[in-house]
Amino acid sequence: MATHMNQATEPRLTIAVITLNEAKRIEQCLRSAAFADELIVVDSGSTDNTQVLAKRMGAHVFEYTDWQGFGEQRNRLLAHSTGEYIFFLDADEEITPALQSEIETAIATATTDKWEVLWNQVAYGKPLSRMRSTSGVTRMFKRSSLVRWTGVVHEHAITNEQVTGTQRFNARLLHHSRPSVHSSLVKLAQYAQLGAAKRAAAGKRGGILRGLASGLANFLRLYIFQGGFLCGPQGFLFCFFIALECFFRYVALKYDKDLLQQLHKR
């Protein structure tokens, strides 16, 4: 693992990753993060050689198989991290050289306590670079400012009251979110169920009409207003699968008896 910052005079950077059966992507992900002073991986019980590959790339690997959601896994990453700054990276993401430069500059100047980044989605082998990304994800924090993460899916960070604002990196984070149709179908099933559970906990109601409205609204937002139509067939598939996820989460919320029974037992 390469170290580009002088640890005697500069703040230390931890890059932290959640994994589960990511053998195909983990090396590329961690290679892009090799400039960090510390690499931490929290693995959720991989049955492939994800952990072996991560250790080979210089990461400290910790296994937690009692899945309690993405928020809790990020809390475990936080607990194991020692850097003054921490960047949370997903296994299907890559830090580009341009983003690396911005991260290092941000740490050197330390003008705020947290930073967000926009995604450059990569779907079915093609970067959707012509598609606008209008909302960022907060991924880097001064460690002392971060209290914890909350949420089973689409988790968010809770920071202390002293945090005054968020800066945004200009360079995008590569996100290999849809490598194949099969993986998109698997993700569709997983995220639809997690999304339904989240909305049930918030007291929301489901149904086919509600799902159709949500799916159509999100498809139009992504495909038309954010420029998915500019990215060819890959852009259409990307937007369509997200719309399907929006539809099925509301359908599951009303008609998935197994899910409803699980929620009732909690």
C-alpha atoms as a PDB file:
ATOM      1  CA  MET A   1       0.000   0.000   0.000  1.00  0.00           C
ATOM      2  CA  ALA A   2       1.529   3.293  -1.043  1.00  0.00           C
ATOM      3  CA  THR A   3       1.672   6.250   1.323  1.00  0.00           C
ATOM      4  CA  HIS A   4       1.967   9.677  -0.261  1.00  0.00           C
ATOM      5  CA  MET A   5       1.404  11.841   2.800  1.00  0.00           C
ATOM      6  CA  ASN A   6       4.059  12.463   5.425  1.00  0.00           C
ATOM      7  CA  GLN A   7       2.494  11.011   8.519  1.00  0.00           C
ATOM      8  CA  ALA A   8       4.824  12.993  10.823  1.00  0.00           C
ATOM      9  CA  THR A   9       3.526  16.360   9.634  1.00  0.00           C
ATOM     10  CA  GLU A  10       0.294  15.679   7.727  1.00  0.00           C
ATOM     11  CA  PRO A  11      -3.108  14.374   8.890  1.00  0.00           C
ATOM     12  CA  ARG A  12      -3.615  10.705   8.167  1.00  0.00           C
ATOM     13  CA  LEU A  13      -6.227   9.494   5.697  1.00  0.00           C
ATOM     14  CA  THR A  14      -8.206   6.270   6.096  1.00  0.00           C
ATOM     15  CA  ILE A  15     -10.178   4.890   3.143  1.00  0.00           C
ATOM     16  CA  ALA A  16     -12.853   2.451   4.354  1.00  0.00           C
ATOM     17  CA  VAL A  17     -14.794  -0.116   2.291  1.00  0.00           C
ATOM     18  CA  ILE A  18     -17.749  -2.482   2.909  1.00  0.00           C
ATOM     19  CA  THR A  19     -17.586  -5.774   1.002  1.00  0.00           C
ATOM     20  CA  LEU A  20     -19.630  -8.889   0.294  1.00  0.00           C
ATOM     21  CA  ASN A  21     -18.454 -11.238  -2.464  1.00  0.00           C
ATOM     22  CA  GLU A  22     -16.628  -8.477  -4.334  1.00  0.00           C
ATOM     23  CA  ALA A  23     -13.738 -10.546  -5.704  1.00  0.00           C
ATOM     24  CA  LYS A  24     -14.305  -9.200  -9.220  1.00  0.00           C
ATOM     25  CA  ARG A  25     -14.024  -5.555  -8.162  1.00  0.00           C
ATOM     26  CA  ILE A  26     -12.131  -5.250  -4.873  1.00  0.00           C
ATOM     27  CA  GLU A  27      -8.613  -5.115  -6.342  1.00  0.00           C
ATOM     28  CA  GLN A  28      -9.497  -2.315  -8.748  1.00  0.00           C
ATOM     29  CA  CYS A  29     -11.296  -0.439  -5.971  1.00  0.00           C
ATOM     30  CA  LEU A  30      -8.430  -0.696  -3.474  1.00  0.00           C
ATOM     31  CA  ARG A  31      -5.812   0.017  -6.120  1.00  0.00           C
ATOM     32  CA  SER A  32      -7.495   3.370  -6.715  1.00  0.00           C
ATOM     33  CA  ALA A  33      -7.326   4.016  -2.955  1.00  0.00           C
ATOM     34  CA  ALA A  34      -3.698   2.975  -2.472  1.00  0.00           C
ATOM     35  CA  PHE A  35      -2.595   6.561  -1.793  1.00  0.00           C
ATOM     36  CA  ALA A  36      -4.300   6.434   1.623  1.00  0.00           C
ATOM     37  CA  ASP A  37      -2.314   5.928   4.826  1.00  0.00           C
ATOM     38  CA  GLU A  38      -4.732   3.217   5.919  1.00  0.00           C
ATOM     39  CA  LEU A  39      -7.130   0.893   4.113  1.00  0.00           C
ATOM     40  CA  ILE A  40      -9.925  -0.697   6.172  1.00  0.00           C
ATOM     41  CA  VAL A  41     -12.349  -3.348   4.889  1.00  0.00           C
ATOM     42  CA  VAL A  42     -15.388  -4.575   6.792  1.00  0.00           C
ATOM     43  CA  ASP A  43     -16.545  -7.776   5.118  1.00  0.00           C
ATOM     44  CA  SER A  44     -20.087  -9.070   5.573  1.00  0.00           C
ATOM     45  CA  GLY A  45     -19.232 -12.759   5.188  1.00  0.00           C
ATOM     46  CA  SER A  46     -17.904 -13.224   1.651  1.00  0.00           C
ATOM     47  CA  THR A  47     -17.809 -16.790   0.345  1.00  0.00           C
ATOM     48  CA  ASP A  48     -15.387 -15.941  -2.478  1.00  0.00           C
ATOM     49  CA  ASN A  49     -11.809 -14.725  -2.042  1.00  0.00           C
ATOM     50  CA  THR A  50     -12.677 -11.074  -1.400  1.00  0.00           C
ATOM     51  CA  GLN A  51     -10.929 -11.062   1.970  1.00  0.00           C
ATOM     52  CA  VAL A  52      -7.768 -12.677   0.613  1.00  0.00           C
ATOM     53  CA  LEU A  53      -7.541 -10.162  -2.228  1.00  0.00           C
ATOM     54  CA  ALA A  54      -8.208  -7.232   0.100  1.00  0.00           C
ATOM     55  CA  LYS A  55      -5.419  -8.319   2.451  1.00  0.00           C
ATOM     56  CA  ARG A  56      -3.106  -8.757  -0.523  1.00  0.00           C
ATOM     57  CA  MET A  57      -3.823  -5.136  -1.455  1.00  0.00           C
ATOM     58  CA  GLY A  58      -2.705  -4.023   2.013  1.00  0.00           C
ATOM     59  CA  ALA A  59      -6.094  -3.587   3.686  1.00  0.00           C
ATOM     60  CA  HIS A  60      -6.887  -4.415   7.289  1.00  0.00           C
ATOM     61  CA  VAL A  61      -9.884  -6.769   7.011  1.00  0.00           C
ATOM     62  CA  PHE A  62     -12.553  -7.314   9.680  1.00  0.00           C
ATOM     63  CA  GLU A  63     -15.471  -9.727   9.242  1.00  0.00           C
ATOM     64  CA  TYR A  64     -18.987  -9.114  10.599  1.00  0.00           C
ATOM     65  CA  THR A  65     -21.580 -11.597   9.357  1.00  0.00           C
ATOM     66  CA  ASP A  66     -24.481 -10.363  11.545  1.00  0.00           C
ATOM     67  CA  TRP A  67     -25.898  -8.083   8.863  1.00  0.00           C
ATOM     68  CA  GLN A  68     -27.742  -5.124  10.390  1.00  0.00           C
ATOM     69  CA  GLY A  69     -27.659  -2.813   7.395  1.00  0.00           C
ATOM     70  CA  PHE A  70     -25.266  -0.534   5.565  1.00  0.00           C
ATOM     71  CA  GLY A  71     -25.347   2.070   8.317  1.00  0.00           C
ATOM     72  CA  GLU A  72     -24.112  -0.371  10.959  1.00  0.00           C
ATOM     73  CA  GLN A  73     -21.362  -1.702   8.683  1.00  0.00           C
ATOM     74  CA  ARG A  74     -20.143   1.852   8.146  1.00  0.00           C
ATOM     75  CA  ASN A  75     -20.170   2.354  11.929  1.00  0.00           C
ATOM     76  CA  ARG A  76     -17.899  -0.665  12.199  1.00  0.00           C
ATOM     77  CA  LEU A  77     -15.589   0.853   9.615  1.00  0.00           C
ATOM     78  CA  LEU A  78     -15.515   4.011  11.690  1.00  0.00           C
ATOM     79  CA  ALA A  79     -14.669   2.065  14.844  1.00  0.00           C
ATOM     80  CA  HIS A  80     -11.666   0.390  13.209  1.00  0.00           C
ATOM     81  CA  SER A  81     -10.329   3.515  11.484  1.00  0.00           C
ATOM     82  CA  THR A  82      -7.491   5.515  13.002  1.00  0.00           C
ATOM     83  CA  GLY A  83      -7.025   8.282  10.429  1.00  0.00           C
ATOM     84  CA  GLU A  84      -7.843  11.897  11.215  1.00  0.00           C
ATOM     85  CA  TYR A  85      -9.795  11.952   7.954  1.00  0.00           C
ATOM     86  CA  ILE A  86     -11.877   9.085   6.614  1.00  0.00           C
ATOM     87  CA  PHE A  87     -13.225   8.527   3.102  1.00  0.00           C
ATOM     88  CA  PHE A  88     -15.979   5.910   2.766  1.00  0.00           C
ATOM     89  CA  LEU A  89     -15.611   4.065  -0.544  1.00  0.00           C
ATOM     90  CA  ASP A  90     -17.858   1.308  -1.890  1.00  0.00           C
ATOM     91  CA  ALA A  91     -16.377  -1.794  -3.498  1.00  0.00           C
ATOM     92  CA  ASP A  92     -17.976  -0.938  -6.862  1.00  0.00           C
ATOM     93  CA  GLU A  93     -16.393   2.523  -6.909  1.00  0.00           C
ATOM     94  CA  GLU A  94     -13.040   3.915  -8.034  1.00  0.00           C
ATOM     95  CA  ILE A  95     -11.193   7.083  -7.121  1.00  0.00           C
ATOM     96  CA  THR A  96      -9.829   8.719 -10.272  1.00  0.00           C
ATOM     97  CA  PRO A  97      -6.434  10.469 -10.280  1.00  0.00           C
ATOM     98  CA  ALA A  98      -8.220  13.829 -10.495  1.00  0.00           C
ATOM     99  CA  LEU A  99     -10.321  13.016  -7.426  1.00  0.00           C
ATOM    100  CA  GLN A 100      -7.256  11.741  -5.569  1.00  0.00           C
ATOM    101  CA  SER A 101      -5.559  15.079  -6.147  1.00  0.00           C
ATOM    102  CA  GLU A 102      -8.578  16.945  -4.763  1.00  0.00           C
ATOM    103  CA  ILE A 103      -8.765  14.681  -1.702  1.00  0.00           C
ATOM    104  CA  GLU A 104      -5.103  15.259  -0.892  1.00  0.00           C
ATOM    105  CA  THR A 105      -5.490  19.014  -1.353  1.00  0.00           C
ATOM    106  CA  ALA A 106      -8.593  19.068   0.862  1.00  0.00           C
ATOM    107  CA  ILE A 107      -6.750  17.299   3.676  1.00  0.00           C
ATOM    108  CA  ALA A 108      -3.737  19.587   3.325  1.00  0.00           C
ATOM    109  CA  THR A 109      -5.847  22.745   3.531  1.00  0.00           C
ATOM    110  CA  ALA A 110      -8.513  21.429   5.956  1.00  0.00           C
ATOM    111  CA  THR A 111     -11.045  24.179   5.304  1.00  0.00           C
ATOM    112  CA  THR A 112     -14.110  22.174   6.434  1.00  0.00           C
ATOM    113  CA  ASP A 113     -15.144  18.967   8.205  1.00  0.00           C
ATOM    114  CA  LYS A 114     -16.966  17.023   5.475  1.00  0.00           C
ATOM    115  CA  TRP A 115     -16.983  16.681   1.704  1.00  0.00           C
ATOM    116  CA  GLU A 116     -19.388  15.274  -0.862  1.00  0.00           C
ATOM    117  CA  VAL A 117     -18.761  13.866  -4.304  1.00  0.00           C
ATOM    118  CA  LEU A 118     -20.828  13.292  -7.437  1.00  0.00           C
ATOM    119  CA  TRP A 119     -20.991   9.925  -9.176  1.00  0.00           C
ATOM    120  CA  ASN A 120     -20.037   9.170 -12.742  1.00  0.00           C
ATOM    121  CA  GLN A 121     -22.197   6.086 -13.272  1.00  0.00           C
ATOM    122  CA  VAL A 122     -20.757   3.175 -15.260  1.00  0.00           C
ATOM    123  CA  ALA A 123     -23.511   0.902 -16.606  1.00  0.00           C
ATOM    124  CA  TYR A 124     -23.119  -2.201 -18.779  1.00  0.00           C
ATOM    125  CA  GLY A 125     -19.518  -1.298 -19.574  1.00  0.00           C
ATOM    126  CA  LYS A 126     -20.111   2.344 -20.509  1.00  0.00           C
ATOM    127  CA  PRO A 127     -19.539   5.493 -18.393  1.00  0.00           C
ATOM    128  CA  LEU A 128     -22.710   7.595 -18.467  1.00  0.00           C
ATOM    129  CA  SER A 129     -20.637  10.769 -18.511  1.00  0.00           C
ATOM    130  CA  ARG A 130     -23.219  12.803 -20.435  1.00  0.00           C
ATOM    131  CA  MET A 131     -25.818  12.180 -17.743  1.00  0.00           C
ATOM    132  CA  ARG A 132     -26.079  14.987 -15.200  1.00  0.00           C
ATOM    133  CA  SER A 133     -25.478  14.142 -11.557  1.00  0.00           C
ATOM    134  CA  THR A 134     -27.386  16.666  -9.500  1.00  0.00           C
ATOM    135  CA  SER A 135     -27.022  15.393  -5.940  1.00  0.00           C
ATOM    136  CA  GLY A 136     -23.840  14.435  -4.147  1.00  0.00           C
ATOM    137  CA  VAL A 137     -23.084  11.763  -1.573  1.00  0.00           C
ATOM    138  CA  THR A 138     -21.158  12.811   1.531  1.00  0.00           C
ATOM    139  CA  ARG A 139     -18.159  10.497   1.739  1.00  0.00           C
ATOM    140  CA  MET A 140     -15.215  12.197   3.453  1.00  0.00           C
ATOM    141  CA  PHE A 141     -15.193  13.473   7.016  1.00  0.00           C
ATOM    142  CA  LYS A 142     -12.840  14.801   9.577  1.00  0.00           C
ATOM    143  CA  ARG A 143     -13.128  11.832  11.893  1.00  0.00           C
ATOM    144  CA  SER A 144     -13.824  13.925  15.001  1.00  0.00           C
ATOM    145  CA  SER A 145     -16.877  15.444  13.304  1.00  0.00           C
ATOM    146  CA  LEU A 146     -18.615  12.143  12.514  1.00  0.00           C
ATOM    147  CA  VAL A 147     -20.840  10.699  15.247  1.00  0.00           C
ATOM    148  CA  ARG A 148     -22.318   7.679  13.468  1.00  0.00           C
ATOM    149  CA  TRP A 149     -24.179   6.358  10.434  1.00  0.00           C
ATOM    150  CA  THR A 150     -27.867   5.466  10.491  1.00  0.00           C
ATOM    151  CA  GLY A 151     -30.131   3.571   8.084  1.00  0.00           C
ATOM    152  CA  VAL A 152     -30.358   0.038   6.723  1.00  0.00           C
ATOM    153  CA  VAL A 153     -30.167   1.238   3.117  1.00  0.00           C
ATOM    154  CA  HIS A 154     -29.464   4.689   1.651  1.00  0.00           C
ATOM    155  CA  GLU A 155     -27.775   5.384   4.982  1.00  0.00           C
ATOM    156  CA  HIS A 156     -26.771   8.862   6.062  1.00  0.00           C
ATOM    157  CA  ALA A 157     -24.196  10.312   8.433  1.00  0.00           C
ATOM    158  CA  ILE A 158     -24.894  12.088  11.683  1.00  0.00           C
ATOM    159  CA  THR A 159     -22.275  14.704  12.509  1.00  0.00           C
ATOM    160  CA  ASN A 160     -21.705  16.788  15.617  1.00  0.00           C
ATOM    161  CA  GLU A 161     -23.133  20.261  16.048  1.00  0.00           C
ATOM    162  CA  GLN A 162     -19.820  22.007  15.347  1.00  0.00           C
ATOM    163  CA  VAL A 163     -19.864  21.024  11.654  1.00  0.00           C
ATOM    164  CA  THR A 164     -20.684  24.163   9.702  1.00  0.00           C
ATOM    165  CA  GLY A 165     -20.863  23.139   6.060  1.00  0.00           C
ATOM    166  CA  THR A 166     -20.049  20.733   3.245  1.00  0.00           C
ATOM    167  CA  GLN A 167     -17.665  21.182   0.340  1.00  0.00           C
ATOM    168  CA  ARG A 168     -18.051  19.334  -2.958  1.00  0.00           C
ATOM    169  CA  PHE A 169     -15.239  17.807  -4.959  1.00  0.00           C
ATOM    170  CA  ASN A 170     -15.214  18.782  -8.634  1.00  0.00           C
ATOM    171  CA  ALA A 171     -13.958  15.424  -9.937  1.00  0.00           C
ATOM    172  CA  ARG A 172     -16.475  12.591  -9.993  1.00  0.00           C
ATOM    173  CA  LEU A 173     -16.283   9.190  -8.339  1.00  0.00           C
ATOM    174  CA  LEU A 174     -16.566   6.284 -10.790  1.00  0.00           C
ATOM    175  CA  HIS A 175     -19.486   4.067  -9.770  1.00  0.00           C
ATOM    176  CA  HIS A 176     -19.746   0.658 -11.475  1.00  0.00           C
ATOM    177  CA  SER A 177     -23.345   0.295 -10.367  1.00  0.00           C
ATOM    178  CA  ARG A 178     -24.735  -1.863 -13.189  1.00  0.00           C
ATOM    179  CA  PRO A 179     -22.096  -4.214 -14.660  1.00  0.00           C
ATOM    180  CA  SER A 180     -24.664  -6.641 -16.133  1.00  0.00           C
ATOM    181  CA  VAL A 181     -28.381  -7.258 -16.536  1.00  0.00           C
ATOM    182  CA  HIS A 182     -28.180 -10.168 -14.097  1.00  0.00           C
ATOM    183  CA  SER A 183     -26.544  -8.055 -11.385  1.00  0.00           C
ATOM    184  CA  SER A 184     -29.162  -5.362 -11.996  1.00  0.00           C
ATOM    185  CA  LEU A 185     -31.949  -7.887 -11.395  1.00  0.00           C
ATOM    186  CA  VAL A 186     -30.282  -9.051  -8.166  1.00  0.00           C
ATOM    187  CA  LYS A 187     -29.866  -5.459  -6.988  1.00  0.00           C
ATOM    188  CA  LEU A 188     -33.473  -4.719  -7.970  1.00  0.00           C
ATOM    189  CA  ALA A 189     -34.778  -7.466  -5.677  1.00  0.00           C
ATOM    190  CA  GLN A 190     -32.495  -6.488  -2.795  1.00  0.00           C
ATOM    191  CA  TYR A 191     -33.074  -2.738  -2.908  1.00  0.00           C
ATOM    192  CA  ALA A 192     -36.820  -3.025  -3.516  1.00  0.00           C
ATOM    193  CA  GLN A 193     -37.190  -5.074  -0.331  1.00  0.00           C
ATOM    194  CA  LEU A 194     -34.896  -2.836   1.725  1.00  0.00           C
ATOM    195  CA  GLY A 195     -36.692   0.246   0.405  1.00  0.00           C
ATOM    196  CA  ALA A 196     -40.067  -1.256   1.305  1.00  0.00           C
ATOM    197  CA  ALA A 197     -38.891  -2.006   4.842  1.00  0.00           C
ATOM    198  CA  LYS A 198     -37.600   1.549   5.247  1.00  0.00           C
ATOM    199  CA  ARG A 199     -40.918   3.037   4.120  1.00  0.00           C
ATOM    200  CA  ALA A 200     -42.907   0.670   6.312  1.00  0.00           C
ATOM    201  CA  ALA A 201     -40.899   1.836   9.311  1.00  0.00           C
ATOM    202  CA  ALA A 202     -41.786   5.424   8.364  1.00  0.00           C
ATOM    203  CA  GLY A 203     -45.495   4.551   8.249  1.00  0.00           C
ATOM    204  CA  LYS A 204     -45.889   4.892   4.480  1.00  0.00           C
ATOM    205  CA  ARG A 205     -48.399   2.919   2.445  1.00  0.00           C
ATOM    206  CA  GLY A 206     -47.815   0.930  -0.735  1.00  0.00           C
ATOM    207  CA  GLY A 207     -49.751  -0.304  -3.728  1.00  0.00           C
ATOM    208  CA  ILE A 208     -49.588  -0.663  -7.487  1.00  0.00           C
ATOM    209  CA  LEU A 209     -50.732   2.872  -8.316  1.00  0.00           C
ATOM    210  CA  ARG A 210     -48.308   4.373  -5.819  1.00  0.00           C
ATOM    211  CA  GLY A 211     -45.539   2.262  -7.308  1.00  0.00           C
ATOM    212  CA  LEU A 212     -46.404   3.247 -10.877  1.00  0.00           C
ATOM    213  CA  ALA A 213     -46.376   6.932  -9.930  1.00  0.00           C
ATOM    214  CA  SER A 214     -43.005   6.631  -8.206  1.00  0.00           C
ATOM    215  CA  GLY A 215     -41.469   4.582 -11.010  1.00  0.00           C
ATOM    216  CA  LEU A 216     -42.698   6.889 -13.778  1.00  0.00           C
ATOM    217  CA  ALA A 217     -41.629  10.039 -11.945  1.00  0.00           C
ATOM    218  CA  ASN A 218     -38.136   8.702 -11.340  1.00  0.00           C
ATOM    219  CA  PHE A 219     -37.744   7.420 -14.896  1.00  0.00           C
ATOM    220  CA  LEU A 220     -38.695  10.823 -16.340  1.00  0.00           C
ATOM    221  CA  ARG A 221     -36.366  12.585 -13.897  1.00  0.00           C
ATOM    222  CA  LEU A 222     -33.381  10.409 -14.792  1.00  0.00           C
ATOM    223  CA  TYR A 223     -33.975   9.737 -18.484  1.00  0.00           C
ATOM    224  CA  ILE A 224     -35.263  13.140 -19.583  1.00  0.00           C
ATOM    225  CA  PHE A 225     -34.239  15.816 -17.106  1.00  0.00           C
ATOM    226  CA  GLN A 226     -30.862  14.351 -16.111  1.00  0.00           C
ATOM    227  CA  GLY A 227     -29.945  13.321 -19.639  1.00  0.00           C
ATOM    228  CA  GLY A 228     -30.073   9.537 -19.542  1.00  0.00           C
ATOM    229  CA  PHE A 229     -31.338   9.632 -23.140  1.00  0.00           C
ATOM    230  CA  LEU A 230     -27.959  11.063 -24.173  1.00  0.00           C
ATOM    231  CA  CYS A 231     -26.189   7.858 -23.111  1.00  0.00           C
ATOM    232  CA  GLY A 232     -27.694   5.387 -25.575  1.00  0.00           C
ATOM    233  CA  PRO A 233     -29.097   1.952 -24.668  1.00  0.00           C
ATOM    234  CA  GLN A 234     -27.002   1.809 -21.504  1.00  0.00           C
ATOM    235  CA  GLY A 235     -28.560   5.047 -20.315  1.00  0.00           C
ATOM    236  CA  PHE A 236     -32.065   3.707 -20.950  1.00  0.00           C
ATOM    237  CA  LEU A 237     -31.396   0.467 -19.066  1.00  0.00           C
ATOM    238  CA  PHE A 238     -29.855   2.320 -16.140  1.00  0.00           C
ATOM    239  CA  CYS A 239     -32.887   4.603 -15.765  1.00  0.00           C
ATOM    240  CA  PHE A 240     -35.379   1.784 -16.380  1.00  0.00           C
ATOM    241  CA  PHE A 241     -33.967  -0.485 -13.671  1.00  0.00           C
ATOM    242  CA  ILE A 242     -34.066   2.324 -11.111  1.00  0.00           C
ATOM    243  CA  ALA A 243     -37.683   3.023 -12.088  1.00  0.00           C
ATOM    244  CA  LEU A 244     -38.492  -0.683 -11.597  1.00  0.00           C
ATOM    245  CA  GLU A 245     -36.901  -0.574  -8.151  1.00  0.00           C
ATOM    246  CA  CYS A 246     -39.118   2.398  -7.249  1.00  0.00           C
ATOM    247  CA  PHE A 247     -42.193   0.518  -8.496  1.00  0.00           C
ATOM    248  CA  PHE A 248     -41.512  -2.767  -6.716  1.00  0.00           C
ATOM    249  CA  ARG A 249     -40.650  -1.221  -3.359  1.00  0.00           C
ATOM    250  CA  TYR A 250     -44.227   0.101  -3.088  1.00  0.00           C
ATOM    251  CA  VAL A 251     -45.705  -3.128  -4.435  1.00  0.00           C
ATOM    252  CA  ALA A 252     -43.713  -5.151  -1.881  1.00  0.00           C
ATOM    253  CA  LEU A 253     -44.815  -2.761   0.851  1.00  0.00           C
ATOM    254  CA  LYS A 254     -48.414  -3.843   0.311  1.00  0.00           C
ATOM    255  CA  TYR A 255     -48.337  -7.338  -1.178  1.00  0.00           C
ATOM    256  CA  ASP A 256     -45.161  -9.078   0.054  1.00  0.00           C
ATOM    257  CA  LYS A 257     -46.574 -11.181   2.893  1.00  0.00           C
ATOM    258  CA  ASP A 258     -43.180 -12.540   3.974  1.00  0.00           C
ATOM    259  CA  LEU A 259     -41.788  -9.031   4.281  1.00  0.00           C
ATOM    260  CA  LEU A 260     -44.840  -7.812   6.177  1.00  0.00           C
ATOM    261  CA  GLN A 261     -44.599 -10.723   8.615  1.00  0.00           C
ATOM    262  CA  GLN A 262     -40.924  -9.958   9.271  1.00  0.00           C
ATOM    263  CA  LEU A 263     -41.716  -6.310   9.938  1.00  0.00           C
ATOM    264  CA  HIS A 264     -44.591  -7.283  12.244  1.00  0.00           C
ATOM    265  CA  LYS A 265     -42.234  -9.400  14.403  1.00  0.00           C
ATOM    266  CA  ARG A 266     -39.844  -6.490  15.000  1.00  0.00           C
END
